[in-house]
C-alpha cells in the first residue's frame, strides 16, 4: 500500500512538472507573438499609464493638502478648549 502511494506521488510530481514547463513555454511563445504586432497599442497603453500616474500624483497632493487643513482644524479646536 505504501509503495502505491510513493509511486503515485512520484508520477504525479512528474506530470505536474511537465504541465508547468509546457505552460511556461506556451506563455512565453504567446507573449512574444503578441508583442511584435502591438506597437501602436503599447504606445497607447504607455500614454494611458503615464496620464494615470500624473493624475495619481495630483490626487496625492490634494490629499496632503486636505490632511493639512484637517490637522490645522484639530489644533485650533484643541487650543480653544
Protein backbone atom coordinates (compact mmCIF):
# COMPACT_ATOMS: atom_id res chain seq x y z
CA UNK A 1 0.00 0.00 0.00
CA UNK A 2 2.83 2.39 0.84
CA UNK A 3 4.52 1.53 -2.45
CA UNK A 4 1.42 2.57 -4.39
CA UNK A 5 1.34 5.92 -2.59
CA UNK A 6 5.03 6.53 -3.28
CA UNK A 7 4.64 5.65 -6.98
CA UNK A 8 1.58 7.90 -7.23
CA UNK A 9 3.46 10.80 -5.65
CA UNK A 10 6.44 10.34 -7.99
CA UNK A 11 4.35 10.11 -11.16
CA UNK A 12 2.05 12.89 -10.01
CA UNK A 13 5.06 15.13 -9.45
CA UNK A 14 6.43 14.31 -12.89
CA UNK A 15 3.09 15.10 -14.56
CA UNK A 16 2.75 18.36 -12.60
CA UNK A 17 6.30 19.39 -13.52
CA UNK A 18 5.69 18.60 -17.20
CA UNK A 19 2.47 20.65 -17.16
CA UNK A 20 4.27 23.56 -15.50
CA UNK A 21 7.08 23.53 -18.07
CA UNK A 22 4.64 23.30 -21.01
CA UNK A 23 2.52 26.11 -19.60
CA UNK A 24 5.56 28.33 -19.14
CA UNK A 25 6.73 27.68 -22.69
CA UNK A 26 3.26 28.45 -24.08
CA UNK A 27 3.06 31.72 -22.13
CA UNK A 28 6.50 32.78 -23.41
CA UNK A 29 5.58 31.97 -27.01
CA UNK A 30 2.25 33.75 -26.71
CA UNK A 31 3.77 36.88 -25.18
CA UNK A 32 6.46 37.10 -27.88
CA UNK A 33 3.88 36.68 -30.63
CA UNK A 34 1.63 39.41 -29.24
CA UNK A 35 4.39 41.94 -28.63
CA UNK A 36 5.51 42.02 -32.28
CA UNK A 37 2.23 43.28 -33.70
CA UNK A 38 1.16 45.56 -30.89
CA UNK A 39 3.50 48.54 -31.23
CA UNK A 40 0.73 51.13 -31.53
CA UNK A 41 -1.30 49.52 -28.76
CA UNK A 42 1.75 49.50 -26.48
CA UNK A 43 2.39 53.20 -27.04
CA UNK A 44 -1.28 53.96 -26.33
CA UNK A 45 -1.12 51.87 -23.15
CA UNK A 46 2.06 53.67 -22.10
CA UNK A 47 0.38 57.05 -22.64
CA UNK A 48 -2.63 56.00 -20.57
CA UNK A 49 -0.40 54.71 -17.79
CA UNK A 50 1.56 57.99 -17.75
CA UNK A 51 -1.68 60.00 -17.57
CA UNK A 52 -2.92 57.81 -14.74
CA UNK A 53 0.35 58.25 -12.88
CA UNK A 54 0.18 62.05 -13.25
CA UNK A 55 -3.42 62.04 -12.06
CA UNK A 56 -2.46 59.97 -9.03
CA UNK A 57 0.35 62.41 -8.19
CA UNK A 58 -2.13 65.30 -8.32
CA UNK A 59 -4.56 63.34 -6.17
CA UNK A 60 -1.80 62.68 -3.64
CA UNK A 61 -1.05 66.40 -3.45
CA UNK A 62 -4.73 67.16 -2.89
CA UNK A 63 -4.97 64.56 -0.15
CA UNK A 64 -1.89 66.03 1.54
CA UNK A 65 -3.48 69.49 1.42
CA UNK A 66 -6.73 68.17 2.91
CA UNK A 67 -4.83 66.38 5.67
CA UNK A 68 -3.03 69.61 6.49
CA UNK A 69 -6.32 71.50 6.63
CA UNK A 70 -7.86 68.88 8.90
CA UNK A 71 -4.83 68.81 11.20
CA UNK A 72 -4.88 72.62 11.48
CA UNK A 73 -8.59 72.49 12.28
CA UNK A 74 -7.97 69.92 15.01
CA UNK A 75 -5.17 72.03 16.51
CA UNK A 76 -7.41 75.08 16.62
CA UNK A 77 -10.17 73.08 18.34
CA UNK A 78 -7.74 71.79 20.96
CA UNK A 79 -6.39 75.28 21.54
CA UNK A 80 -9.86 76.72 22.08
CA UNK A 81 -10.94 74.03 24.59
